[in-house]
C-alpha atoms as a PDB file:
ATOM      1  CA  UNK A   1     -63.415 115.314-184.059  1.00  0.00           C
ATOM      2  CA  UNK A   2     -66.325 112.469-184.367  1.00  0.00           C
ATOM      3  CA  UNK A   3     -63.405 109.671-184.165  1.00  0.00           C
ATOM      4  CA  UNK A   4     -62.076 111.556-181.295  1.00  0.00           C
ATOM      5  CA  UNK A   5     -65.182 111.722-179.361  1.00  0.00           C
ATOM      6  CA  UNK A   6     -66.263 107.805-180.287  1.00  0.00           C
ATOM      7  CA  UNK A   7     -63.013 107.101-178.589  1.00  0.00           C
ATOM      8  CA  UNK A   8     -63.786 109.026-175.908  1.00  0.00           C
ATOM      9  CA  UNK A   9     -67.269 107.819-175.278  1.00  0.00           C
ATOM     10  CA  UNK A  10     -65.947 104.106-175.432  1.00  0.00           C
ATOM     11  CA  UNK A  11     -63.550 104.724-172.938  1.00  0.00           C
ATOM     12  CA  UNK A  12     -66.237 105.799-170.510  1.00  0.00           C
ATOM     13  CA  UNK A  13     -68.302 103.313-171.191  1.00  0.00           C
ATOM     14  CA  UNK A  14     -65.371 100.721-170.597  1.00  0.00           C
ATOM     15  CA  UNK A  15     -64.684 102.326-167.224  1.00  0.00           C
ATOM     16  CA  UNK A  16     -67.869 102.653-166.095  1.00  0.00           C
ATOM     17  CA  UNK A  17     -68.344  99.035-166.825  1.00  0.00           C
ATOM     18  CA  UNK A  18     -64.884  97.844-164.894  1.00  0.00           C
ATOM     19  CA  UNK A  19     -66.068 100.200-162.146  1.00  0.00           C
ATOM     20  CA  UNK A  20     -69.501  99.045-161.837  1.00  0.00           C
ATOM     21  CA  UNK A  21     -67.772  95.155-161.172  1.00  0.00           C
ATOM     22  CA  UNK A  22     -65.196  96.583-158.505  1.00  0.00           C
ATOM     23  CA  UNK A  23     -68.690  98.185-156.780  1.00  0.00           C
ATOM     24  CA  UNK A  24     -70.217  95.311-156.774  1.00  0.00           C
ATOM     25  CA  UNK A  25     -67.541  93.412-155.720  1.00  0.00           C
ATOM     26  CA  UNK A  26     -66.830  95.374-152.491  1.00  0.00           C
ATOM     27  CA  UNK A  27     -70.811  95.157-151.818  1.00  0.00           C
ATOM     28  CA  UNK A  28     -70.446  92.004-151.292  1.00  0.00           C
ATOM     29  CA  UNK A  29     -67.249  91.333-149.179  1.00  0.00           C
ATOM     30  CA  UNK A  30     -68.341  94.361-146.934  1.00  0.00           C
ATOM     31  CA  UNK A  31     -68.809  92.871-143.502  1.00  0.00           C
ATOM     32  CA  UNK A  32     -72.705  92.098-142.114  1.00  0.00           C
ATOM     33  CA  UNK A  33     -75.507  91.461-143.410  1.00  0.00           C
ATOM     34  CA  UNK A  34     -78.634  93.377-144.916  1.00  0.00           C
ATOM     35  CA  UNK A  35     -81.097  90.822-143.301  1.00  0.00           C
ATOM     36  CA  UNK A  36     -79.224  90.957-140.052  1.00  0.00           C
ATOM     37  CA  UNK A  37     -79.632  94.762-139.961  1.00  0.00           C
ATOM     38  CA  UNK A  38     -83.133  94.422-140.506  1.00  0.00           C
ATOM     39  CA  UNK A  39     -83.581  92.324-137.732  1.00  0.00           C
ATOM     40  CA  UNK A  40     -81.263  93.240-134.816  1.00  0.00           C
ATOM     41  CA  UNK A  41     -81.614  91.375-131.943  1.00  0.00           C
ATOM     42  CA  UNK A  42     -84.885  89.561-133.119  1.00  0.00           C
ATOM     43  CA  UNK A  43     -83.161  87.998-135.765  1.00  0.00           C
ATOM     44  CA  UNK A  44     -83.866  84.258-136.540  1.00  0.00           C
ATOM     45  CA  UNK A  45     -82.390  81.493-139.311  1.00  0.00           C
ATOM     46  CA  UNK A  46     -85.907  80.952-140.675  1.00  0.00           C
ATOM     47  CA  UNK A  47     -86.695  84.956-140.944  1.00  0.00           C
ATOM     48  CA  UNK A  48     -83.148  85.508-142.136  1.00  0.00           C
ATOM     49  CA  UNK A  49     -83.603  82.740-144.662  1.00  0.00           C
ATOM     50  CA  UNK A  50     -86.819  84.274-145.908  1.00  0.00           C
ATOM     51  CA  UNK A  51     -85.816  87.630-146.500  1.00  0.00           C
ATOM     52  CA  UNK A  52     -82.746  86.470-148.137  1.00  0.00           C
ATOM     53  CA  UNK A  53     -84.766  84.729-150.652  1.00  0.00           C
ATOM     54  CA  UNK A  54     -87.254  87.790-150.698  1.00  0.00           C
ATOM     55  CA  UNK A  55     -84.249  90.248-151.599  1.00  0.00           C
ATOM     56  CA  UNK A  56     -83.022  87.373-153.763  1.00  0.00           C
ATOM     57  CA  UNK A  57     -79.242  87.123-152.032  1.00  0.00           C
ATOM     58  CA  UNK A  58     -79.782  83.626-152.038  1.00  0.00           C
ATOM     59  CA  UNK A  59     -78.914  83.741-155.988  1.00  0.00           C
ATOM     60  CA  UNK A  60     -75.076  83.081-157.168  1.00  0.00           C
ATOM     61  CA  UNK A  61     -73.195  86.101-157.371  1.00  0.00           C
ATOM     62  CA  UNK A  62     -72.603  86.383-161.196  1.00  0.00           C
ATOM     63  CA  UNK A  63     -76.472  85.881-161.635  1.00  0.00           C
ATOM     64  CA  UNK A  64     -77.287  89.061-159.083  1.00  0.00           C
ATOM     65  CA  UNK A  65     -74.351  91.215-160.869  1.00  0.00           C
ATOM     66  CA  UNK A  66     -75.652  91.023-164.320  1.00  0.00           C
ATOM     67  CA  UNK A  67     -79.468  91.574-162.766  1.00  0.00           C
ATOM     68  CA  UNK A  68     -78.072  94.679-161.468  1.00  0.00           C
ATOM     69  CA  UNK A  69     -76.701  95.891-164.707  1.00  0.00           C
ATOM     70  CA  UNK A  70     -79.458  95.274-167.059  1.00  0.00           C
ATOM     71  CA  UNK A  71     -81.841  96.901-164.300  1.00  0.00           C
ATOM     72  CA  UNK A  72     -79.696  99.760-164.622  1.00  0.00           C
ATOM     73  CA  UNK A  73     -79.064  99.523-168.891  1.00  0.00           C
ATOM     74  CA  UNK A  74     -82.717  99.783-168.335  1.00  0.00           C
ATOM     75  CA  UNK A  75     -83.471 102.595-165.839  1.00  0.00           C
ATOM     76  CA  UNK A  76     -84.610 100.347-163.152  1.00  0.00           C
ATOM     77  CA  UNK A  77     -82.350 100.348-160.057  1.00  0.00           C
ATOM     78  CA  UNK A  78     -84.640  98.391-157.976  1.00  0.00           C
ATOM     79  CA  UNK A  79     -86.025  99.463-155.034  1.00  0.00           C
ATOM     80  CA  UNK A  80     -84.427 100.306-151.084  1.00  0.00           C
ATOM     81  CA  UNK A  81     -84.454  97.872-148.902  1.00  0.00           C
ATOM     82  CA  UNK A  82     -84.996 100.521-145.662  1.00  0.00           C
ATOM     83  CA  UNK A  83     -86.846 103.266-147.567  1.00  0.00           C
ATOM     84  CA  UNK A  84     -89.191 100.958-149.430  1.00  0.00           C
ATOM     85  CA  UNK A  85     -88.868 103.497-152.024  1.00  0.00           C
ATOM     86  CA  UNK A  86     -87.608 103.370-156.220  1.00  0.00           C
ATOM     87  CA  UNK A  87     -84.183 104.360-156.086  1.00  0.00           C
ATOM     88  CA  UNK A  88     -84.315 106.270-159.198  1.00  0.00           C
ATOM     89  CA  UNK A  89     -86.733 108.675-157.232  1.00  0.00           C
ATOM     90  CA  UNK A  90     -84.811 108.928-154.216  1.00  0.00           C
ATOM     91  CA  UNK A  91     -81.658 109.415-156.202  1.00  0.00           C
ATOM     92  CA  UNK A  92     -82.822 112.451-158.342  1.00  0.00           C
ATOM     93  CA  UNK A  93     -83.882 114.777-156.316  1.00  0.00           C
ATOM     94  CA  UNK A  94     -81.069 114.410-153.902  1.00  0.00           C
ATOM     95  CA  UNK A  95     -78.912 115.055-157.272  1.00  0.00           C
ATOM     96  CA  UNK A  96     -80.794 118.079-158.027  1.00  0.00           C
ATOM     97  CA  UNK A  97     -79.741 119.262-154.435  1.00  0.00           C
ATOM     98  CA  UNK A  98     -76.788 118.378-155.298  1.00  0.00           C
ATOM     99  CA  UNK A  99     -76.434 120.585-158.797  1.00  0.00           C
ATOM    100  CA  UNK A 100     -77.617 123.408-157.753  1.00  0.00           C
ATOM    101  CA  UNK A 101     -74.776 123.085-154.157  1.00  0.00           C
ATOM    102  CA  UNK A 102     -72.230 122.782-157.234  1.00  0.00           C
ATOM    103  CA  UNK A 103     -73.649 125.018-159.742  1.00  0.00           C
ATOM    104  CA  UNK A 104     -73.984 127.674-157.005  1.00  0.00           C
ATOM    105  CA  UNK A 105     -70.173 127.215-156.007  1.00  0.00           C
ATOM    106  CA  UNK A 106     -68.817 126.975-159.346  1.00  0.00           C
ATOM    107  CA  UNK A 107     -69.652 129.944-161.011  1.00  0.00           C
ATOM    108  CA  UNK A 108     -68.861 132.307-158.440  1.00  0.00           C
ATOM    109  CA  UNK A 109     -65.432 130.326-157.904  1.00  0.00           C
ATOM    110  CA  UNK A 110     -64.253 129.033-161.308  1.00  0.00           C
ATOM    111  CA  UNK A 111     -64.556 132.730-162.892  1.00  0.00           C
ATOM    112  CA  UNK A 112     -63.088 134.530-160.195  1.00  0.00           C
ATOM    113  CA  UNK A 113     -60.183 131.695-159.210  1.00  0.00           C
ATOM    114  CA  UNK A 114     -59.664 131.911-163.252  1.00  0.00           C
ATOM    115  CA  UNK A 115     -58.595 135.570-162.971  1.00  0.00           C
ATOM    116  CA  UNK A 116     -56.570 135.776-159.414  1.00  0.00           C
ATOM    117  CA  UNK A 117     -54.348 133.049-160.265  1.00  0.00           C
ATOM    118  CA  UNK A 118     -54.360 134.768-164.148  1.00  0.00           C
ATOM    119  CA  UNK A 119     -53.310 138.119-162.796  1.00  0.00           C
ATOM    120  CA  UNK A 120     -50.981 136.156-160.196  1.00  0.00           C
ATOM    121  CA  UNK A 121     -49.016 134.136-162.496  1.00  0.00           C
ATOM    122  CA  UNK A 122     -48.889 137.472-164.795  1.00  0.00           C
ATOM    123  CA  UNK A 123     -46.747 139.391-161.740  1.00  0.00           C
ATOM    124  CA  UNK A 124     -45.226 136.375-159.555  1.00  0.00           C
ATOM    125  CA  UNK A 125     -42.680 138.100-157.839  1.00  0.00           C
ATOM    126  CA  UNK A 126     -45.413 141.198-156.589  1.00  0.00           C
ATOM    127  CA  UNK A 127     -46.587 141.376-152.786  1.00  0.00           C
ATOM    128  CA  UNK A 128     -50.319 140.906-153.930  1.00  0.00           C
ATOM    129  CA  UNK A 129     -49.052 137.731-156.037  1.00  0.00           C
ATOM    130  CA  UNK A 130     -47.248 136.284-153.108  1.00  0.00           C
ATOM    131  CA  UNK A 131     -50.208 136.547-150.988  1.00  0.00           C
ATOM    132  CA  UNK A 132     -52.228 135.390-152.864  1.00  0.00           C
ATOM    133  CA  UNK A 133     -50.114 132.228-153.261  1.00  0.00           C
ATOM    134  CA  UNK A 134     -49.766 132.044-149.380  1.00  0.00           C
ATOM    135  CA  UNK A 135     -53.529 132.249-148.626  1.00  0.00           C
ATOM    136  CA  UNK A 136     -54.334 129.877-151.098  1.00  0.00           C
ATOM    137  CA  UNK A 137     -52.067 127.493-149.456  1.00  0.00           C
ATOM    138  CA  UNK A 138     -53.024 128.098-146.381  1.00  0.00           C
ATOM    139  CA  UNK A 139     -56.679 127.457-147.432  1.00  0.00           C
ATOM    140  CA  UNK A 140     -56.447 123.876-148.867  1.00  0.00           C
ATOM    141  CA  UNK A 141     -54.577 122.967-146.080  1.00  0.00           C
ATOM    142  CA  UNK A 142     -57.945 123.404-143.825  1.00  0.00           C
ATOM    143  CA  UNK A 143     -60.193 120.810-143.876  1.00  0.00           C
ATOM    144  CA  UNK A 144     -63.658 121.449-145.330  1.00  0.00           C
ATOM    145  CA  UNK A 145     -65.628 120.502-141.757  1.00  0.00           C
ATOM    146  CA  UNK A 146     -62.925 123.052-140.144  1.00  0.00           C
ATOM    147  CA  UNK A 147     -64.214 125.769-142.073  1.00  0.00           C
ATOM    148  CA  UNK A 148     -67.673 124.857-142.197  1.00  0.00           C
ATOM    149  CA  UNK A 149     -67.985 124.872-138.240  1.00  0.00           C
ATOM    150  CA  UNK A 150     -65.990 128.656-138.479  1.00  0.00           C
ATOM    151  CA  UNK A 151     -68.625 130.317-140.884  1.00  0.00           C
ATOM    152  CA  UNK A 152     -71.348 128.538-138.645  1.00  0.00           C
ATOM    153  CA  UNK A 153     -69.904 130.148-135.684  1.00  0.00           C
ATOM    154  CA  UNK A 154     -69.076 133.449-137.673  1.00  0.00           C
ATOM    155  CA  UNK A 155     -72.325 134.099-139.673  1.00  0.00           C
ATOM    156  CA  UNK A 156     -74.948 132.108-137.698  1.00  0.00           C
ATOM    157  CA  UNK A 157     -73.745 132.068-134.065  1.00  0.00           C
ATOM    158  CA  UNK A 158     -72.261 135.774-133.710  1.00  0.00           C
ATOM    159  CA  UNK A 159     -73.892 137.691-136.550  1.00  0.00           C
ATOM    160  CA  UNK A 160     -76.922 135.362-136.622  1.00  0.00           C
ATOM    161  CA  UNK A 161     -76.878 136.001-140.586  1.00  0.00           C
ATOM    162  CA  UNK A 162     -77.724 133.146-141.733  1.00  0.00           C
ATOM    163  CA  UNK A 163     -78.743 129.372-140.865  1.00  0.00           C
ATOM    164  CA  UNK A 164     -76.541 126.617-139.416  1.00  0.00           C
ATOM    165  CA  UNK A 165     -78.407 124.418-141.201  1.00  0.00           C
ATOM    166  CA  UNK A 166     -79.184 123.793-144.024  1.00  0.00           C
ATOM    167  CA  UNK A 167     -81.915 121.628-143.989  1.00  0.00           C
ATOM    168  CA  UNK A 168     -84.290 121.444-146.740  1.00  0.00           C
ATOM    169  CA  UNK A 169     -88.291 119.377-146.347  1.00  0.00           C
ATOM    170  CA  UNK A 170     -88.693 116.593-148.744  1.00  0.00           C
ATOM    171  CA  UNK A 171     -90.215 117.723-151.669  1.00  0.00           C
ATOM    172  CA  UNK A 172     -89.185 121.214-151.499  1.00  0.00           C
ATOM    173  CA  UNK A 173     -86.714 123.094-154.047  1.00  0.00           C
ATOM    174  CA  UNK A 174     -83.071 124.846-151.834  1.00  0.00           C
ATOM    175  CA  UNK A 175     -83.404 127.489-153.866  1.00  0.00           C
ATOM    176  CA  UNK A 176     -87.080 128.303-152.443  1.00  0.00           C
ATOM    177  CA  UNK A 177     -85.037 129.393-149.174  1.00  0.00           C
ATOM    178  CA  UNK A 178     -81.652 130.482-150.599  1.00  0.00           C
ATOM    179  CA  UNK A 179     -80.134 131.684-147.718  1.00  0.00           C
ATOM    180  CA  UNK A 180     -79.553 128.019-146.554  1.00  0.00           C
ATOM    181  CA  UNK A 181     -77.208 127.455-149.587  1.00  0.00           C
ATOM    182  CA  UNK A 182     -74.975 130.369-147.972  1.00  0.00           C
ATOM    183  CA  UNK A 183     -72.706 128.904-146.091  1.00  0.00           C
ATOM    184  CA  UNK A 184     -72.460 125.242-147.719  1.00  0.00           C
ATOM    185  CA  UNK A 185     -71.612 126.682-150.738  1.00  0.00           C
ATOM    186  CA  UNK A 186     -68.784 129.403-148.926  1.00  0.00           C
ATOM    187  CA  UNK A 187     -67.322 126.244-147.559  1.00  0.00           C
ATOM    188  CA  UNK A 188     -67.381 124.470-151.482  1.00  0.00           C
ATOM    189  CA  UNK A 189     -66.166 127.884-152.789  1.00  0.00           C
ATOM    190  CA  UNK A 190     -63.061 127.892-150.563  1.00  0.00           C
ATOM    191  CA  UNK A 191     -61.714 124.882-151.316  1.00  0.00           C
ATOM    192  CA  UNK A 192     -62.475 125.190-155.392  1.00  0.00           C
ATOM    193  CA  UNK A 193     -61.249 128.749-155.299  1.00  0.00           C
ATOM    194  CA  UNK A 194     -58.079 127.884-153.609  1.00  0.00           C
ATOM    195  CA  UNK A 195     -57.253 124.359-155.857  1.00  0.00           C
ATOM    196  CA  UNK A 196     -57.795 126.462-159.309  1.00  0.00           C
ATOM    197  CA  UNK A 197     -56.260 129.322-158.108  1.00  0.00           C
ATOM    198  CA  UNK A 198     -53.005 127.595-157.898  1.00  0.00           C
ATOM    199  CA  UNK A 199     -53.246 125.512-160.720  1.00  0.00           C
ATOM    200  CA  UNK A 200     -54.172 128.803-163.063  1.00  0.00           C
ATOM    201  CA  UNK A 201     -50.901 130.883-161.401  1.00  0.00           C
ATOM    202  CA  UNK A 202     -48.394 128.139-161.729  1.00  0.00           C
ATOM    203  CA  UNK A 203     -49.601 127.054-165.282  1.00  0.00           C
ATOM    204  CA  UNK A 204     -49.525 131.099-166.472  1.00  0.00           C
ATOM    205  CA  UNK A 205     -45.763 131.489-165.058  1.00  0.00           C
ATOM    206  CA  UNK A 206     -44.354 128.297-166.801  1.00  0.00           C
ATOM    207  CA  UNK A 207     -45.991 129.530-169.642  1.00  0.00           C
ATOM    208  CA  UNK A 208     -44.928 133.048-169.554  1.00  0.00           C
ATOM    209  CA  UNK A 209     -41.289 131.847-169.275  1.00  0.00           C
ATOM    210  CA  UNK A 210     -41.838 129.819-172.872  1.00  0.00           C
ATOM    211  CA  UNK A 211     -39.865 130.801-175.925  1.00  0.00           C
ATOM    212  CA  UNK A 212     -42.988 131.890-178.078  1.00  0.00           C
ATOM    213  CA  UNK A 213     -44.348 133.978-175.273  1.00  0.00           C
ATOM    214  CA  UNK A 214     -40.931 136.039-175.023  1.00  0.00           C
ATOM    215  CA  UNK A 215     -41.003 136.086-179.293  1.00  0.00           C
ATOM    216  CA  UNK A 216     -44.772 137.347-179.029  1.00  0.00           C
ATOM    217  CA  UNK A 217     -43.871 140.159-176.509  1.00  0.00           C
ATOM    218  CA  UNK A 218     -40.849 140.662-178.443  1.00  0.00           C
ATOM    219  CA  UNK A 219     -42.347 141.428-182.161  1.00  0.00           C
ATOM    220  CA  UNK A 220     -44.288 143.905-180.266  1.00  0.00           C
ATOM    221  CA  UNK A 221     -47.806 142.718-179.720  1.00  0.00           C
ATOM    222  CA  UNK A 222     -49.536 144.250-176.993  1.00  0.00           C
ATOM    223  CA  UNK A 223     -49.516 142.393-173.619  1.00  0.00           C
ATOM    224  CA  UNK A 224     -53.823 141.692-173.535  1.00  0.00           C
ATOM    225  CA  UNK A 225     -53.078 140.162-176.980  1.00  0.00           C
ATOM    226  CA  UNK A 226     -50.232 138.112-175.740  1.00  0.00           C
ATOM    227  CA  UNK A 227     -52.143 136.932-172.833  1.00  0.00           C
ATOM    228  CA  UNK A 228     -55.317 135.624-174.429  1.00  0.00           C
ATOM    229  CA  UNK A 229     -53.803 134.688-177.279  1.00  0.00           C
ATOM    230  CA  UNK A 230     -50.820 132.617-176.307  1.00  0.00           C
ATOM    231  CA  UNK A 231     -51.082 132.610-172.596  1.00  0.00           C
ATOM    232  CA  UNK A 232     -54.605 131.881-171.557  1.00  0.00           C
ATOM    233  CA  UNK A 233     -55.101 128.889-174.313  1.00  0.00           C
ATOM    234  CA  UNK A 234     -51.929 127.106-173.130  1.00  0.00           C
ATOM    235  CA  UNK A 235     -51.921 127.596-169.509  1.00  0.00           C
ATOM    236  CA  UNK A 236     -55.856 126.679-168.991  1.00  0.00           C
ATOM    237  CA  UNK A 237     -54.987 123.225-170.288  1.00  0.00           C
ATOM    238  CA  UNK A 238     -53.746 121.408-166.430  1.00  0.00           C
ATOM    239  CA  UNK A 239     -56.665 123.485-165.075  1.00  0.00           C
ATOM    240  CA  UNK A 240     -59.147 122.072-167.326  1.00  0.00           C
ATOM    241  CA  UNK A 241     -58.790 118.990-165.262  1.00  0.00           C
ATOM    242  CA  UNK A 242     -58.602 120.168-161.785  1.00  0.00           C
ATOM    243  CA  UNK A 243     -61.896 121.943-162.154  1.00  0.00           C
ATOM    244  CA  UNK A 244     -63.928 118.929-164.441  1.00  0.00           C
ATOM    245  CA  UNK A 245     -62.417 116.799-161.515  1.00  0.00           C
ATOM    246  CA  UNK A 246     -63.861 119.083-158.759  1.00  0.00           C
ATOM    247  CA  UNK A 247     -67.245 119.275-160.285  1.00  0.00           C
ATOM    248  CA  UNK A 248     -67.235 115.324-160.227  1.00  0.00           C
ATOM    249  CA  UNK A 249     -66.071 115.824-156.513  1.00  0.00           C
ATOM    250  CA  UNK A 250     -68.891 117.891-155.587  1.00  0.00           C
ATOM    251  CA  UNK A 251     -71.642 116.459-156.864  1.00  0.00           C
ATOM    252  CA  UNK A 252     -71.034 113.185-155.289  1.00  0.00           C
ATOM    253  CA  UNK A 253     -68.069 113.595-152.924  1.00  0.00           C
ATOM    254  CA  UNK A 254     -69.808 116.282-150.233  1.00  0.00           C
ATOM    255  CA  UNK A 255     -69.933 113.781-147.418  1.00  0.00           C
ATOM    256  CA  UNK A 256     -68.557 116.180-144.866  1.00  0.00           C
ATOM    257  CA  UNK A 257     -69.887 119.309-145.899  1.00  0.00           C
ATOM    258  CA  UNK A 258     -73.319 117.876-146.314  1.00  0.00           C
ATOM    259  CA  UNK A 259     -72.735 116.200-142.902  1.00  0.00           C
ATOM    260  CA  UNK A 260     -71.907 119.474-141.011  1.00  0.00           C
ATOM    261  CA  UNK A 261     -74.809 121.483-142.410  1.00  0.00           C
ATOM    262  CA  UNK A 262     -77.088 118.450-142.747  1.00  0.00           C
ATOM    263  CA  UNK A 263     -77.814 119.290-146.418  1.00  0.00           C
ATOM    264  CA  UNK A 264     -79.633 116.513-148.134  1.00  0.00           C
ATOM    265  CA  UNK A 265     -77.219 115.788-151.150  1.00  0.00           C
ATOM    266  CA  UNK A 266     -75.948 112.700-152.895  1.00  0.00           C
ATOM    267  CA  UNK A 267     -72.989 112.470-150.276  1.00  0.00           C
ATOM    268  CA  UNK A 268     -75.221 112.289-147.190  1.00  0.00           C
ATOM    269  CA  UNK A 269     -77.454 110.036-149.266  1.00  0.00           C
ATOM    270  CA  UNK A 270     -74.517 107.713-149.235  1.00  0.00           C
ATOM    271  CA  UNK A 271     -73.352 107.951-146.093  1.00  0.00           C
ATOM    272  CA  UNK A 272     -76.641 107.090-145.105  1.00  0.00           C
ATOM    273  CA  UNK A 273     -76.789 103.898-147.292  1.00  0.00           C
ATOM    274  CA  UNK A 274     -73.422 102.033-146.067  1.00  0.00           C
ATOM    275  CA  UNK A 275     -74.687 102.804-142.615  1.00  0.00           C
ATOM    276  CA  UNK A 276     -77.702 100.844-142.708  1.00  0.00           C
ATOM    277  CA  UNK A 277     -76.334  98.622-145.546  1.00  0.00           C
ATOM    278  CA  UNK A 278     -79.015  99.815-148.251  1.00  0.00           C
ATOM    279  CA  UNK A 279     -76.649  97.752-150.830  1.00  0.00           C
ATOM    280  CA  UNK A 280     -79.115  98.776-153.947  1.00  0.00           C
ATOM    281  CA  UNK A 281     -78.540 102.090-153.196  1.00  0.00           C
ATOM    282  CA  UNK A 282     -75.548 102.048-152.323  1.00  0.00           C
ATOM    283  CA  UNK A 283     -74.707 100.529-155.551  1.00  0.00           C
ATOM    284  CA  UNK A 284     -76.757 102.748-157.557  1.00  0.00           C
ATOM    285  CA  UNK A 285     -75.432 105.754-155.731  1.00  0.00           C
ATOM    286  CA  UNK A 286     -71.444 104.956-155.794  1.00  0.00           C
ATOM    287  CA  UNK A 287     -72.008 104.091-160.029  1.00  0.00           C
ATOM    288  CA  UNK A 288     -73.887 107.111-160.464  1.00  0.00           C
ATOM    289  CA  UNK A 289     -70.983 108.534-158.928  1.00  0.00           C
ATOM    290  CA  UNK A 290     -68.558 107.563-160.842  1.00  0.00           C
ATOM    291  CA  UNK A 291     -70.673 108.620-163.736  1.00  0.00           C
ATOM    292  CA  UNK A 292     -70.175 112.081-162.789  1.00  0.00           C
ATOM    293  CA  UNK A 293     -66.485 111.781-162.731  1.00  0.00           C
ATOM    294  CA  UNK A 294     -66.328 110.025-166.099  1.00  0.00           C
ATOM    295  CA  UNK A 295     -68.667 112.319-167.474  1.00  0.00           C
ATOM    296  CA  UNK A 296     -66.649 115.225-166.400  1.00  0.00           C
ATOM    297  CA  UNK A 297     -63.578 114.141-167.780  1.00  0.00           C
ATOM    298  CA  UNK A 298     -65.206 113.742-171.181  1.00  0.00           C
ATOM    299  CA  UNK A 299     -66.315 117.107-170.729  1.00  0.00           C
ATOM    300  CA  UNK A 300     -62.266 118.176-170.440  1.00  0.00           C
ATOM    301  CA  UNK A 301     -61.355 115.909-173.212  1.00  0.00           C
ATOM    302  CA  UNK A 302     -63.674 117.780-175.200  1.00  0.00           C
ATOM    303  CA  UNK A 303     -62.299 121.307-173.822  1.00  0.00           C
ATOM    304  CA  UNK A 304     -59.018 119.734-174.506  1.00  0.00           C
ATOM    305  CA  UNK A 305     -59.555 119.275-177.678  1.00  0.00           C
ATOM    306  CA  UNK A 306     -61.035 122.489-178.404  1.00  0.00           C
ATOM    307  CA  UNK A 307     -58.313 124.331-177.171  1.00  0.00           C
ATOM    308  CA  UNK A 308     -55.339 122.942-178.639  1.00  0.00           C
ATOM    309  CA  UNK A 309     -56.210 120.817-182.271  1.00  0.00           C
ATOM    310  CA  UNK A 310     -52.896 118.833-181.805  1.00  0.00           C
ATOM    311  CA  UNK A 311     -55.095 116.699-179.541  1.00  0.00           C
ATOM    312  CA  UNK A 312     -57.921 115.563-181.557  1.00  0.00           C
ATOM    313  CA  UNK A 313     -54.957 115.093-184.473  1.00  0.00           C
ATOM    314  CA  UNK A 314     -52.842 112.740-181.580  1.00  0.00           C
END
């Protein structure tokens, strides 16, 4: 297991190095210039030259990349061009907001989706199983902004139960106003529930048709023991991948949901950094989101190994 973990950690570090190089290259070739963005119509060659020198933009690309990665390793991500604050402070507060939203959605959606998918997979030909499959397919086909707007119209405009926006003042914990988390959490739960439920249902149907499950049933084992001893461990392996990937997406890819509800998370901050060409902040956020995906996949690999010892031997 130690060798398995060491290999996975080495692959994760190598992946992040490649991703960091890709992020730096993409930000380099983006059109526009941060110095021009700062001065806009008042830009002169003298002012642009001075700003580029102050920001270190006149140095060679490979020197700036090595300097940036050295700062990341030391924990110094630099300062935001436009907010004039350390990026670590900016990103940590927004990451905390995204974690709160993601954890709320996960704690409710994942257990419910797994249980529903397990029930629908065991009874695929029943009316309830078919309804669950159709409902999940319809939910997957609906974009997040459509669901978010529908929730705002229904629960905020018509019923007046929850606020239409999820604005969190700087320095304030969203948990002090839990009502602002309800609508974005419901929006996220719908997407996550549909994906996990469909994956679990499909895997359970496939495992239920295997020879070892049929043999266990013919041996006279109780259906409860067959399900939790043979079906669940084997059916959950692909589902874990979906759960891990969605957790990474929920921390850093919620640009649409956070924009609809004006929720100050990583996704909204990433969009703002793109619009203002705040390159250090954009690079740090992109690398942070990539690290989140990598860590989620690492947790998925470890879960694989715990459920199926053959993976450790491989």
